[in-house]
Amino acid sequence: YSGFFSKRAVQFDHDTMVSGYNAIRNKLISLLNSTDLKNKDE
């Protein structure tokens, strides 16, 4: 995971990631339900 996030991931959501599993899941659900995703969101 250290290698993946350091080398492959390009965009982060610090507050959500630090908040744990439920926050990450909820953020993903809200992004999936969004109608106009930007490249950054993807």
Full PDB file with SEQRES, HELIX, SHEET, SSBOND, CRYST1, ORIGX, SCALE, CONECT and MASTER records, all heavy atoms in Angstrom:
SEQRES   1 A   42  TYR SER GLY PHE PHE SER LYS ARG ALA VAL GLN PHE ASP          
SEQRES   2 A   42  HIS ASP THR MET VAL SER GLY TYR ASN ALA ILE ARG ASN          
SEQRES   3 A   42  LYS LEU ILE SER LEU LEU ASN SER THR ASP LEU LYS ASN          
SEQRES   4 A   42  LYS ASP GLU                                                  
HELIX    1 AA1 SER A    2  GLY A    3  1                                   2    
HELIX    2 AA2 PHE A    4  ARG A    8  3                                   5    
HELIX    3 AA3 HIS A   14  SER A   19  1                                   6    
HELIX    4 AA4 TYR A   21  ASN A   33  1                                  13    
CRYST1    1.000    1.000    1.000  90.00  90.00  90.00 P 1           1          
ORIGX1      1.000000  0.000000  0.000000        0.00000                         
ORIGX2      0.000000  1.000000  0.000000        0.00000                         
ORIGX3      0.000000  0.000000  1.000000        0.00000                         
SCALE1      1.000000  0.000000  0.000000        0.00000                         
SCALE2      0.000000  1.000000  0.000000        0.00000                         
SCALE3      0.000000  0.000000  1.000000        0.00000                         
ATOM      1  N   TYR A   1       0.822  -1.203   0.000  1.00  0.00           N  
ATOM      2  CA  TYR A   1       0.000   0.000   0.000  1.00  0.00           C  
ATOM      3  C   TYR A   1       0.864   1.265   0.000  1.00  0.00           C  
ATOM      4  O   TYR A   1       0.523   2.249  -0.646  1.00  0.00           O  
ATOM      5  CB  TYR A   1      -0.978  -0.001   1.179  1.00  0.00           C  
ATOM      6  CG  TYR A   1      -2.049  -1.053   1.043  1.00  0.00           C  
ATOM      7  CD1 TYR A   1      -2.181  -2.078   1.968  1.00  0.00           C  
ATOM      8  CD2 TYR A   1      -2.935  -1.030  -0.028  1.00  0.00           C  
ATOM      9  CE1 TYR A   1      -3.161  -3.042   1.840  1.00  0.00           C  
ATOM     10  CE2 TYR A   1      -3.922  -1.990  -0.169  1.00  0.00           C  
ATOM     11  CZ  TYR A   1      -4.022  -2.996   0.762  1.00  0.00           C  
ATOM     12  OH  TYR A   1      -4.993  -3.959   0.622  1.00  0.00           O  
ATOM     13  N   SER A   2       1.967   1.229   0.718  1.00  0.00           N  
ATOM     14  CA  SER A   2       2.879   2.369   0.714  1.00  0.00           C  
ATOM     15  C   SER A   2       3.384   2.641  -0.700  1.00  0.00           C  
ATOM     16  O   SER A   2       3.392   3.786  -1.162  1.00  0.00           O  
ATOM     17  CB  SER A   2       4.060   2.103   1.647  1.00  0.00           C  
ATOM     18  OG  SER A   2       5.016   3.123   1.535  1.00  0.00           O  
ATOM     19  N   GLY A   3       3.785   1.591  -1.382  1.00  0.00           N  
ATOM     20  CA  GLY A   3       4.251   1.737  -2.758  1.00  0.00           C  
ATOM     21  C   GLY A   3       3.145   2.217  -3.689  1.00  0.00           C  
ATOM     22  O   GLY A   3       3.366   3.091  -4.525  1.00  0.00           O  
ATOM     23  N   PHE A   4       1.956   1.651  -3.534  1.00  0.00           N  
ATOM     24  CA  PHE A   4       0.846   2.057  -4.401  1.00  0.00           C  
ATOM     25  C   PHE A   4       0.529   3.541  -4.234  1.00  0.00           C  
ATOM     26  O   PHE A   4       0.456   4.291  -5.195  1.00  0.00           O  
ATOM     27  CB  PHE A   4      -0.408   1.225  -4.137  1.00  0.00           C  
ATOM     28  CG  PHE A   4      -1.591   1.716  -4.927  1.00  0.00           C  
ATOM     29  CD1 PHE A   4      -1.761   1.304  -6.237  1.00  0.00           C  
ATOM     30  CD2 PHE A   4      -2.502   2.617  -4.392  1.00  0.00           C  
ATOM     31  CE1 PHE A   4      -2.830   1.783  -7.005  1.00  0.00           C  
ATOM     32  CE2 PHE A   4      -3.565   3.100  -5.135  1.00  0.00           C  
ATOM     33  CZ  PHE A   4      -3.727   2.677  -6.445  1.00  0.00           C  
ATOM     34  N   PHE A   5       0.305   3.962  -2.985  1.00  0.00           N  
ATOM     35  CA  PHE A   5      -0.092   5.350  -2.759  1.00  0.00           C  
ATOM     36  C   PHE A   5       1.032   6.331  -3.077  1.00  0.00           C  
ATOM     37  O   PHE A   5       0.778   7.444  -3.519  1.00  0.00           O  
ATOM     38  CB  PHE A   5      -0.593   5.545  -1.323  1.00  0.00           C  
ATOM     39  CG  PHE A   5      -1.905   4.876  -1.061  1.00  0.00           C  
ATOM     40  CD1 PHE A   5      -2.004   3.843  -0.153  1.00  0.00           C  
ATOM     41  CD2 PHE A   5      -3.048   5.272  -1.740  1.00  0.00           C  
ATOM     42  CE1 PHE A   5      -3.222   3.210   0.086  1.00  0.00           C  
ATOM     43  CE2 PHE A   5      -4.272   4.642  -1.511  1.00  0.00           C  
ATOM     44  CZ  PHE A   5      -4.352   3.612  -0.600  1.00  0.00           C  
ATOM     45  N   SER A   6       2.283   5.919  -2.871  1.00  0.00           N  
ATOM     46  CA  SER A   6       3.408   6.813  -3.143  1.00  0.00           C  
ATOM     47  C   SER A   6       3.700   6.956  -4.627  1.00  0.00           C  
ATOM     48  O   SER A   6       4.109   8.022  -5.081  1.00  0.00           O  
ATOM     49  CB  SER A   6       4.664   6.315  -2.428  1.00  0.00           C  
ATOM     50  OG  SER A   6       4.490   6.332  -1.028  1.00  0.00           O  
ATOM     51  N   LYS A   7       3.497   5.894  -5.393  1.00  0.00           N  
ATOM     52  CA  LYS A   7       3.904   5.911  -6.801  1.00  0.00           C  
ATOM     53  C   LYS A   7       2.756   5.940  -7.802  1.00  0.00           C  
ATOM     54  O   LYS A   7       2.878   6.506  -8.875  1.00  0.00           O  
ATOM     55  CB  LYS A   7       4.777   4.685  -7.116  1.00  0.00           C  
ATOM     56  CG  LYS A   7       6.014   4.566  -6.266  1.00  0.00           C  
ATOM     57  CD  LYS A   7       6.957   5.716  -6.508  1.00  0.00           C  
ATOM     58  CE  LYS A   7       8.202   5.547  -5.662  1.00  0.00           C  
ATOM     59  NZ  LYS A   7       8.902   6.787  -5.426  1.00  0.00           N  
ATOM     60  N   ARG A   8       1.637   5.321  -7.498  1.00  0.00           N  
ATOM     61  CA  ARG A   8       0.555   5.175  -8.472  1.00  0.00           C  
ATOM     62  C   ARG A   8      -0.607   6.136  -8.275  1.00  0.00           C  
ATOM     63  O   ARG A   8      -1.213   6.570  -9.239  1.00  0.00           O  
ATOM     64  CB  ARG A   8       0.015   3.739  -8.456  1.00  0.00           C  
ATOM     65  CG  ARG A   8       0.997   2.725  -8.923  1.00  0.00           C  
ATOM     66  CD  ARG A   8       1.133   2.782 -10.422  1.00  0.00           C  
ATOM     67  NE  ARG A   8       2.173   1.876 -10.859  1.00  0.00           N  
ATOM     68  CZ  ARG A   8       3.060   2.163 -11.784  1.00  0.00           C  
ATOM     69  NH1 ARG A   8       3.051   3.332 -12.373  1.00  0.00           N  
ATOM     70  NH2 ARG A   8       3.971   1.303 -12.131  1.00  0.00           N  
ATOM     71  N   ALA A   9      -0.932   6.435  -7.040  1.00  0.00           N  
ATOM     72  CA  ALA A   9      -2.069   7.313  -6.772  1.00  0.00           C  
ATOM     73  C   ALA A   9      -1.678   8.757  -7.082  1.00  0.00           C  
ATOM     74  O   ALA A   9      -0.557   9.174  -6.805  1.00  0.00           O  
ATOM     75  CB  ALA A   9      -2.503   7.183  -5.318  1.00  0.00           C  
ATOM     76  N   VAL A  10      -2.596   9.496  -7.674  1.00  0.00           N  
ATOM     77  CA  VAL A  10      -2.286  10.863  -8.074  1.00  0.00           C  
ATOM     78  C   VAL A  10      -3.113  11.909  -7.337  1.00  0.00           C  
ATOM     79  O   VAL A  10      -2.766  13.077  -7.316  1.00  0.00           O  
ATOM     80  CB  VAL A  10      -2.447  11.065  -9.606  1.00  0.00           C  
ATOM     81  CG1 VAL A  10      -1.426  10.259 -10.362  1.00  0.00           C  
ATOM     82  CG2 VAL A  10      -3.855  10.726 -10.052  1.00  0.00           C  
ATOM     83  N   GLN A  11      -4.218  11.510  -6.723  1.00  0.00           N  
ATOM     84  CA  GLN A  11      -5.098  12.455  -6.044  1.00  0.00           C  
ATOM     85  C   GLN A  11      -5.517  11.866  -4.710  1.00  0.00           C  
ATOM     86  O   GLN A  11      -5.836  10.681  -4.633  1.00  0.00           O  
ATOM     87  CB  GLN A  11      -6.329  12.725  -6.920  1.00  0.00           C  
ATOM     88  CG  GLN A  11      -7.084  13.952  -6.577  1.00  0.00           C  
ATOM     89  CD  GLN A  11      -6.300  15.212  -6.843  1.00  0.00           C  
ATOM     90  OE1 GLN A  11      -5.632  15.342  -7.850  1.00  0.00           O  
ATOM     91  NE2 GLN A  11      -6.361  16.150  -5.924  1.00  0.00           N  
ATOM     92  N   PHE A  12      -5.528  12.689  -3.665  1.00  0.00           N  
ATOM     93  CA  PHE A  12      -5.845  12.199  -2.330  1.00  0.00           C  
ATOM     94  C   PHE A  12      -6.949  13.035  -1.696  1.00  0.00           C  
ATOM     95  O   PHE A  12      -7.163  14.180  -2.059  1.00  0.00           O  
ATOM     96  CB  PHE A  12      -4.599  12.266  -1.427  1.00  0.00           C  
ATOM     97  CG  PHE A  12      -3.412  11.573  -2.015  1.00  0.00           C  
ATOM     98  CD1 PHE A  12      -2.410  12.294  -2.636  1.00  0.00           C  
ATOM     99  CD2 PHE A  12      -3.308  10.200  -1.973  1.00  0.00           C  
ATOM    100  CE1 PHE A  12      -1.318  11.660  -3.194  1.00  0.00           C  
ATOM    101  CE2 PHE A  12      -2.219   9.557  -2.527  1.00  0.00           C  
ATOM    102  CZ  PHE A  12      -1.225  10.285  -3.140  1.00  0.00           C  
ATOM    103  N   ASP A  13      -7.610  12.436  -0.714  1.00  0.00           N  
ATOM    104  CA  ASP A  13      -8.563  13.140   0.130  1.00  0.00           C  
ATOM    105  C   ASP A  13      -8.125  12.872   1.559  1.00  0.00           C  
ATOM    106  O   ASP A  13      -8.581  11.916   2.200  1.00  0.00           O  
ATOM    107  CB  ASP A  13      -9.986  12.645  -0.138  1.00  0.00           C  
ATOM    108  CG  ASP A  13     -11.032  13.448   0.605  1.00  0.00           C  
ATOM    109  OD1 ASP A  13     -10.682  14.115   1.600  1.00  0.00           O  
ATOM    110  OD2 ASP A  13     -12.206  13.396   0.202  1.00  0.00           O  
ATOM    111  N   HIS A  14      -7.196  13.688   2.052  1.00  0.00           N  
ATOM    112  CA  HIS A  14      -6.563  13.466   3.351  1.00  0.00           C  
ATOM    113  C   HIS A  14      -7.566  13.243   4.461  1.00  0.00           C  
ATOM    114  O   HIS A  14      -7.486  12.252   5.193  1.00  0.00           O  
ATOM    115  CB  HIS A  14      -5.634  14.637   3.687  1.00  0.00           C  
ATOM    116  CG  HIS A  14      -4.963  14.513   5.002  1.00  0.00           C  
ATOM    117  ND1 HIS A  14      -5.573  14.881   6.181  1.00  0.00           N  
ATOM    118  CD2 HIS A  14      -3.743  14.043   5.338  1.00  0.00           C  
ATOM    119  CE1 HIS A  14      -4.761  14.644   7.181  1.00  0.00           C  
ATOM    120  NE2 HIS A  14      -3.633  14.138   6.698  1.00  0.00           N  
ATOM    121  N   ASP A  15      -8.513  14.162   4.603  1.00  0.00           N  
ATOM    122  CA  ASP A  15      -9.454  14.092   5.722  1.00  0.00           C  
ATOM    123  C   ASP A  15     -10.281  12.808   5.688  1.00  0.00           C  
ATOM    124  O   ASP A  15     -10.494  12.171   6.718  1.00  0.00           O  
ATOM    125  CB  ASP A  15     -10.373  15.311   5.723  1.00  0.00           C  
ATOM    126  CG  ASP A  15      -9.595  16.611   5.941  1.00  0.00           C  
ATOM    127  OD1 ASP A  15      -8.453  16.546   6.442  1.00  0.00           O  
ATOM    128  OD2 ASP A  15     -10.122  17.677   5.587  1.00  0.00           O  
ATOM    129  N   THR A  16     -10.734  12.426   4.523  1.00  0.00           N  
ATOM    130  CA  THR A  16     -11.535  11.209   4.392  1.00  0.00           C  
ATOM    131  C   THR A  16     -10.693   9.979   4.676  1.00  0.00           C  
ATOM    132  O   THR A  16     -11.125   9.081   5.414  1.00  0.00           O  
ATOM    133  CB  THR A  16     -12.141  11.110   2.976  1.00  0.00           C  
ATOM    134  OG1 THR A  16     -12.945  12.261   2.737  1.00  0.00           O  
ATOM    135  CG2 THR A  16     -12.984   9.857   2.822  1.00  0.00           C  
ATOM    136  N   MET A  17      -9.493   9.920   4.134  1.00  0.00           N  
ATOM    137  CA  MET A  17      -8.645   8.744   4.311  1.00  0.00           C  
ATOM    138  C   MET A  17      -8.259   8.555   5.772  1.00  0.00           C  
ATOM    139  O   MET A  17      -8.251   7.434   6.281  1.00  0.00           O  
ATOM    140  CB  MET A  17      -7.405   8.842   3.412  1.00  0.00           C  
ATOM    141  CG  MET A  17      -7.755   8.738   1.930  1.00  0.00           C  
ATOM    142  SD  MET A  17      -6.421   9.188   0.818  1.00  0.00           S  
ATOM    143  CE  MET A  17      -5.371   7.751   0.920  1.00  0.00           C  
ATOM    144  N   VAL A  18      -7.970   9.630   6.476  1.00  0.00           N  
ATOM    145  CA  VAL A  18      -7.590   9.551   7.889  1.00  0.00           C  
ATOM    146  C   VAL A  18      -8.791   9.173   8.750  1.00  0.00           C  
ATOM    147  O   VAL A  18      -8.632   8.547   9.799  1.00  0.00           O  
ATOM    148  CB  VAL A  18      -6.960  10.889   8.345  1.00  0.00           C  
ATOM    149  CG1 VAL A  18      -6.808  10.961   9.833  1.00  0.00           C  
ATOM    150  CG2 VAL A  18      -5.610  11.084   7.668  1.00  0.00           C  
ATOM    151  N   SER A  19      -9.991   9.500   8.298  1.00  0.00           N  
ATOM    152  CA  SER A  19     -11.195   9.239   9.092  1.00  0.00           C  
ATOM    153  C   SER A  19     -11.599   7.767   9.141  1.00  0.00           C  
ATOM    154  O   SER A  19     -12.434   7.382   9.947  1.00  0.00           O  
ATOM    155  CB  SER A  19     -12.366  10.072   8.557  1.00  0.00           C  
ATOM    156  OG  SER A  19     -12.082  11.435   8.725  1.00  0.00           O  
ATOM    157  N   GLY A  20     -11.055   6.946   8.259  1.00  0.00           N  
ATOM    158  CA  GLY A  20     -11.291   5.513   8.349  1.00  0.00           C  
ATOM    159  C   GLY A  20     -12.281   4.946   7.346  1.00  0.00           C  
ATOM    160  O   GLY A  20     -12.758   5.631   6.439  1.00  0.00           O  
ATOM    161  N   TYR A  21     -12.577   3.674   7.549  1.00  0.00           N  
ATOM    162  CA  TYR A  21     -13.360   2.876   6.609  1.00  0.00           C  
ATOM    163  C   TYR A  21     -14.714   3.491   6.277  1.00  0.00           C  
ATOM    164  O   TYR A  21     -15.070   3.638   5.109  1.00  0.00           O  
ATOM    165  CB  TYR A  21     -13.538   1.456   7.168  1.00  0.00           C  
ATOM    166  CG  TYR A  21     -14.377   0.568   6.289  1.00  0.00           C  
ATOM    167  CD1 TYR A  21     -13.805  -0.079   5.201  1.00  0.00           C  
ATOM    168  CD2 TYR A  21     -15.737   0.367   6.535  1.00  0.00           C  
ATOM    169  CE1 TYR A  21     -14.560  -0.892   4.374  1.00  0.00           C  
ATOM    170  CE2 TYR A  21     -16.499  -0.434   5.719  1.00  0.00           C  
ATOM    171  CZ  TYR A  21     -15.907  -1.070   4.643  1.00  0.00           C  
ATOM    172  OH  TYR A  21     -16.654  -1.867   3.818  1.00  0.00           O  
ATOM    173  N   ASN A  22     -15.500   3.840   7.296  1.00  0.00           N  
ATOM    174  CA  ASN A  22     -16.853   4.365   7.048  1.00  0.00           C  
ATOM    175  C   ASN A  22     -16.832   5.667   6.267  1.00  0.00           C  
ATOM    176  O   ASN A  22     -17.651   5.877   5.364  1.00  0.00           O  
ATOM    177  CB  ASN A  22     -17.622   4.536   8.362  1.00  0.00           C  
ATOM    178  CG  ASN A  22     -18.027   3.206   8.961  1.00  0.00           C  
ATOM    179  OD1 ASN A  22     -18.242   2.235   8.239  1.00  0.00           O  
ATOM    180  ND2 ASN A  22     -18.115   3.149  10.276  1.00  0.00           N  
ATOM    181  N   ALA A  23     -15.904   6.543   6.611  1.00  0.00           N  
ATOM    182  CA  ALA A  23     -15.803   7.828   5.899  1.00  0.00           C  
ATOM    183  C   ALA A  23     -15.413   7.604   4.443  1.00  0.00           C  
ATOM    184  O   ALA A  23     -15.949   8.249   3.537  1.00  0.00           O  
ATOM    185  CB  ALA A  23     -14.787   8.729   6.587  1.00  0.00           C  
ATOM    186  N   ILE A  24     -14.491   6.673   4.209  1.00  0.00           N  
ATOM    187  CA  ILE A  24     -14.062   6.370   2.839  1.00  0.00           C  
ATOM    188  C   ILE A  24     -15.230   5.792   2.045  1.00  0.00           C  
ATOM    189  O   ILE A  24     -15.492   6.201   0.910  1.00  0.00           O  
ATOM    190  CB  ILE A  24     -12.849   5.407   2.837  1.00  0.00           C  
ATOM    191  CG1 ILE A  24     -11.635   6.078   3.493  1.00  0.00           C  
ATOM    192  CG2 ILE A  24     -12.515   4.959   1.418  1.00  0.00           C  
ATOM    193  CD1 ILE A  24     -10.481   5.137   3.784  1.00  0.00           C  
ATOM    194  N   ARG A  25     -15.942   4.842   2.651  1.00  0.00           N  
ATOM    195  CA  ARG A  25     -17.093   4.234   1.985  1.00  0.00           C  
ATOM    196  C   ARG A  25     -18.152   5.281   1.648  1.00  0.00           C  
ATOM    197  O   ARG A  25     -18.673   5.317   0.534  1.00  0.00           O  
ATOM    198  CB  ARG A  25     -17.683   3.127   2.864  1.00  0.00           C  
ATOM    199  CG  ARG A  25     -18.753   2.308   2.131  1.00  0.00           C  
ATOM    200  CD  ARG A  25     -19.513   1.379   3.043  1.00  0.00           C  
ATOM    201  NE  ARG A  25     -20.398   2.213   3.858  1.00  0.00           N  
ATOM    202  CZ  ARG A  25     -20.523   2.116   5.174  1.00  0.00           C  
ATOM    203  NH1 ARG A  25     -19.851   1.221   5.842  1.00  0.00           N  
ATOM    204  NH2 ARG A  25     -21.337   2.905   5.842  1.00  0.00           N  
ATOM    205  N   ASN A  26     -18.457   6.148   2.613  1.00  0.00           N  
ATOM    206  CA  ASN A  26     -19.470   7.189   2.388  1.00  0.00           C  
ATOM    207  C   ASN A  26     -19.055   8.155   1.283  1.00  0.00           C  
ATOM    208  O   ASN A  26     -19.879   8.571   0.474  1.00  0.00           O  
ATOM    209  CB  ASN A  26     -19.758   7.942   3.683  1.00  0.00           C  
ATOM    210  CG  ASN A  26     -20.455   7.068   4.705  1.00  0.00           C  
ATOM    211  OD1 ASN A  26     -21.047   6.039   4.362  1.00  0.00           O  
ATOM    212  ND2 ASN A  26     -20.371   7.453   5.957  1.00  0.00           N  
ATOM    213  N   LYS A  27     -17.780   8.514   1.254  1.00  0.00           N  
ATOM    214  CA  LYS A  27     -17.290   9.419   0.208  1.00  0.00           C  
ATOM    215  C   LYS A  27     -17.397   8.750  -1.164  1.00  0.00           C  
ATOM    216  O   LYS A  27     -17.800   9.382  -2.143  1.00  0.00           O  
ATOM    217  CB  LYS A  27     -15.841   9.818   0.507  1.00  0.00           C  
ATOM    218  CG  LYS A  27     -15.218  10.728  -0.513  1.00  0.00           C  
ATOM    219  CD  LYS A  27     -15.795  12.122  -0.441  1.00  0.00           C  
ATOM    220  CE  LYS A  27     -15.028  13.046  -1.364  1.00  0.00           C  
ATOM    221  NZ  LYS A  27     -15.168  14.433  -1.027  1.00  0.00           N  
ATOM    222  N   LEU A  28     -17.046   7.458  -1.241  1.00  0.00           N  
ATOM    223  CA  LEU A  28     -17.176   6.729  -2.506  1.00  0.00           C  
ATOM    224  C   LEU A  28     -18.624   6.677  -2.962  1.00  0.00           C  
ATOM    225  O   LEU A  28     -18.917   6.878  -4.149  1.00  0.00           O  
ATOM    226  CB  LEU A  28     -16.616   5.313  -2.372  1.00  0.00           C  
ATOM    227  CG  LEU A  28     -15.111   5.179  -2.534  1.00  0.00           C  
ATOM    228  CD1 LEU A  28     -14.641   3.794  -2.120  1.00  0.00           C  
ATOM    229  CD2 LEU A  28     -14.697   5.475  -3.959  1.00  0.00           C  
ATOM    230  N   ILE A  29     -19.542   6.430  -2.051  1.00  0.00           N  
ATOM    231  CA  ILE A  29     -20.962   6.381  -2.394  1.00  0.00           C  
ATOM    232  C   ILE A  29     -21.421   7.734  -2.924  1.00  0.00           C  
ATOM    233  O   ILE A  29     -22.123   7.807  -3.938  1.00  0.00           O  
ATOM    234  CB  ILE A  29     -21.806   5.934  -1.178  1.00  0.00           C  
ATOM    235  CG1 ILE A  29     -21.542   4.453  -0.882  1.00  0.00           C  
ATOM    236  CG2 ILE A  29     -23.283   6.180  -1.418  1.00  0.00           C  
ATOM    237  CD1 ILE A  29     -22.103   3.967   0.440  1.00  0.00           C  
ATOM    238  N   SER A  30     -21.000   8.814  -2.263  1.00  0.00           N  
ATOM    239  CA  SER A  30     -21.420  10.142  -2.729  1.00  0.00           C  
ATOM    240  C   SER A  30     -20.821  10.461  -4.104  1.00  0.00           C  
ATOM    241  O   SER A  30     -21.482  11.073  -4.935  1.00  0.00           O  
ATOM    242  CB  SER A  30     -21.050  11.224  -1.716  1.00  0.00           C  
ATOM    243  OG  SER A  30     -19.669  11.469  -1.718  1.00  0.00           O  
ATOM    244  N   LEU A  31     -19.592  10.032  -4.349  1.00  0.00           N  
ATOM    245  CA  LEU A  31     -18.989  10.248  -5.669  1.00  0.00           C  
ATOM    246  C   LEU A  31     -19.683   9.408  -6.741  1.00  0.00           C  
ATOM    247  O   LEU A  31     -19.889   9.869  -7.864  1.00  0.00           O  
ATOM    248  CB  LEU A  31     -17.489   9.941  -5.636  1.00  0.00           C  
ATOM    249  CG  LEU A  31     -16.604  10.962  -4.911  1.00  0.00           C  
ATOM    250  CD1 LEU A  31     -15.187  10.433  -4.749  1.00  0.00           C  
ATOM    251  CD2 LEU A  31     -16.611  12.296  -5.631  1.00  0.00           C  
ATOM    252  N   LEU A  32     -20.045   8.175  -6.397  1.00  0.00           N  
ATOM    253  CA  LEU A  32     -20.734   7.312  -7.353  1.00  0.00           C  
ATOM    254  C   LEU A  32     -22.119   7.855  -7.702  1.00  0.00           C  
ATOM    255  O   LEU A  32     -22.597   7.686  -8.821  1.00  0.00           O  
ATOM    256  CB  LEU A  32     -20.853   5.889  -6.803  1.00  0.00           C  
ATOM    257  CG  LEU A  32     -19.559   5.079  -6.785  1.00  0.00           C  
ATOM    258  CD1 LEU A  32     -19.751   3.790  -5.991  1.00  0.00           C  
ATOM    259  CD2 LEU A  32     -19.100   4.774  -8.198  1.00  0.00           C  
ATOM    260  N   ASN A  33     -22.765   8.505  -6.745  1.00  0.00           N  
ATOM    261  CA  ASN A  33     -24.094   9.065  -6.981  1.00  0.00           C  
ATOM    262  C   ASN A  33     -24.052  10.431  -7.645  1.00  0.00           C  
ATOM    263  O   ASN A  33     -25.088  10.965  -8.031  1.00  0.00           O  
ATOM    264  CB  ASN A  33     -24.876   9.154  -5.666  1.00  0.00           C  
ATOM    265  CG  ASN A  33     -25.231   7.779  -5.146  1.00  0.00           C  
ATOM    266  OD1 ASN A  33     -25.364   6.835  -5.910  1.00  0.00           O  
ATOM    267  ND2 ASN A  33     -25.366   7.662  -3.834  1.00  0.00           N  
ATOM    268  N   SER A  34     -22.868  10.998  -7.776  1.00  0.00           N  
ATOM    269  CA  SER A  34     -22.728  12.312  -8.404  1.00  0.00           C  
ATOM    270  C   SER A  34     -22.950  12.206  -9.907  1.00  0.00           C  
ATOM    271  O   SER A  34     -22.553  11.237 -10.548  1.00  0.00           O  
ATOM    272  CB  SER A  34     -21.330  12.861  -8.117  1.00  0.00           C  
ATOM    273  OG  SER A  34     -21.158  14.101  -8.736  1.00  0.00           O  
ATOM    274  N   THR A  35     -23.580  13.211 -10.461  1.00  0.00           N  
ATOM    275  CA  THR A  35     -23.877  13.181 -11.898  1.00  0.00           C  
ATOM    276  C   THR A  35     -22.793  13.831 -12.749  1.00  0.00           C  
ATOM    277  O   THR A  35     -22.697  13.537 -13.939  1.00  0.00           O  
ATOM    278  CB  THR A  35     -25.213  13.904 -12.185  1.00  0.00           C  
ATOM    279  OG1 THR A  35     -25.129  15.235 -11.671  1.00  0.00           O  
ATOM    280  CG2 THR A  35     -26.368  13.158 -11.554  1.00  0.00           C  
ATOM    281  N   ASP A  36     -22.003  14.694 -12.159  1.00  0.00           N  
ATOM    282  CA  ASP A  36     -20.969  15.366 -12.953  1.00  0.00           C  
ATOM    283  C   ASP A  36     -19.590  15.225 -12.305  1.00  0.00           C  
ATOM    284  O   ASP A  36     -19.123  16.111 -11.614  1.00  0.00           O  
ATOM    285  CB  ASP A  36     -21.317  16.841 -13.165  1.00  0.00           C  
ATOM    286  CG  ASP A  36     -21.500  17.601 -11.868  1.00  0.00           C  
ATOM    287  OD1 ASP A  36     -21.855  16.969 -10.858  1.00  0.00           O  
ATOM    288  OD2 ASP A  36     -21.279  18.825 -11.857  1.00  0.00           O  
ATOM    289  N   LEU A  37     -18.962  14.085 -12.539  1.00  0.00           N  
ATOM    290  CA  LEU A  37     -17.631  13.835 -11.998  1.00  0.00           C  
ATOM    291  C   LEU A  37     -16.577  14.510 -12.857  1.00  0.00           C  
ATOM    292  O   LEU A  37     -16.600  14.424 -14.075  1.00  0.00           O  
ATOM    293  CB  LEU A  37     -17.350  12.330 -11.946  1.00  0.00           C  
ATOM    294  CG  LEU A  37     -18.084  11.509 -10.903  1.00  0.00           C  
ATOM    295  CD1 LEU A  37     -17.712  10.043 -11.019  1.00  0.00           C  
ATOM    296  CD2 LEU A  37     -17.769  12.013  -9.511  1.00  0.00           C  
ATOM    297  N   LYS A  38     -15.641  15.142 -12.202  1.00  0.00           N  
ATOM    298  CA  LYS A  38     -14.503  15.742 -12.883  1.00  0.00           C  
ATOM    299  C   LYS A  38     -13.362  14.722 -12.898  1.00  0.00           C  
ATOM    300  O   LYS A  38     -13.428  13.698 -12.216  1.00  0.00           O  
ATOM    301  CB  LYS A  38     -14.074  17.012 -12.151  1.00  0.00           C  
ATOM    302  CG  LYS A  38     -15.143  18.095 -12.141  1.00  0.00           C  
ATOM    303  CD  LYS A  38     -14.746  19.231 -11.217  1.00  0.00           C  
ATOM    304  CE  LYS A  38     -15.777  20.315 -11.141  1.00  0.00           C  
ATOM    305  NZ  LYS A  38     -17.099  19.905 -10.727  1.00  0.00           N  
ATOM    306  N   ASN A  39     -12.329  14.987 -13.670  1.00  0.00           N  
ATOM    307  CA  ASN A  39     -11.171  14.083 -13.717  1.00  0.00           C  
ATOM    308  C   ASN A  39     -10.566  13.901 -12.331  1.00  0.00           C  
ATOM    309  O   ASN A  39     -10.154  12.803 -11.965  1.00  0.00           O  
ATOM    310  CB  ASN A  39     -10.110  14.607 -14.687  1.00  0.00           C  
ATOM    311  CG  ASN A  39     -10.508  14.406 -16.130  1.00  0.00           C  
ATOM    312  OD1 ASN A  39     -11.385  13.609 -16.440  1.00  0.00           O  
ATOM    313  ND2 ASN A  39      -9.876  15.157 -17.020  1.00  0.00           N  
ATOM    314  N   LYS A  40     -10.499  14.994 -11.563  1.00  0.00           N  
ATOM    315  CA  LYS A  40      -9.963  14.929 -10.205  1.00  0.00           C  
ATOM    316  C   LYS A  40     -10.776  13.957  -9.348  1.00  0.00           C  
ATOM    317  O   LYS A  40     -10.217  13.165  -8.591  1.00  0.00           O  
ATOM    318  CB  LYS A  40      -9.971  16.330  -9.587  1.00  0.00           C  
ATOM    319  CG  LYS A  40      -9.456  16.390  -8.181  1.00  0.00           C  
ATOM    320  CD  LYS A  40      -9.499  17.818  -7.649  1.00  0.00           C  
ATOM    321  CE  LYS A  40      -9.066  17.848  -6.202  1.00  0.00           C  
ATOM    322  NZ  LYS A  40      -9.092  19.211  -5.653  1.00  0.00           N  
ATOM    323  N   ASP A  41     -12.102  14.000  -9.477  1.00  0.00           N  
ATOM    324  CA  ASP A  41     -12.971  13.105  -8.714  1.00  0.00           C  
ATOM    325  C   ASP A  41     -12.743  11.646  -9.094  1.00  0.00           C  
ATOM    326  O   ASP A  41     -12.742  10.761  -8.234  1.00  0.00           O  
ATOM    327  CB  ASP A  41     -14.443  13.469  -8.926  1.00  0.00           C  
ATOM    328  CG  ASP A  41     -14.794  14.839  -8.374  1.00  0.00           C  
ATOM    329  OD1 ASP A  41     -14.163  15.265  -7.384  1.00  0.00           O  
ATOM    330  OD2 ASP A  41     -15.695  15.486  -8.943  1.00  0.00           O  
ATOM    331  N   GLU A  42     -12.551  11.390 -10.369  1.00  0.00           N  
ATOM    332  CA  GLU A  42     -12.287  10.018 -10.815  1.00  0.00           C  
ATOM    333  C   GLU A  42     -10.960   9.510 -10.276  1.00  0.00           C  
ATOM    334  O   GLU A  42     -10.841   8.348  -9.873  1.00  0.00           O  
ATOM    335  CB  GLU A  42     -12.335   9.954 -12.337  1.00  0.00           C  
ATOM    336  CG  GLU A  42     -13.734  10.167 -12.894  1.00  0.00           C  
ATOM    337  CD  GLU A  42     -13.783  10.246 -14.407  1.00  0.00           C  
ATOM    338  OE1 GLU A  42     -12.753  10.010 -15.068  1.00  0.00           O  
ATOM    339  OE2 GLU A  42     -14.881  10.549 -14.929  1.00  0.00           O  
TER     340      GLU A  42                                                      
MASTER        0    0    0    4    0    0    0    6  339    1    0    4          
END                                                                             
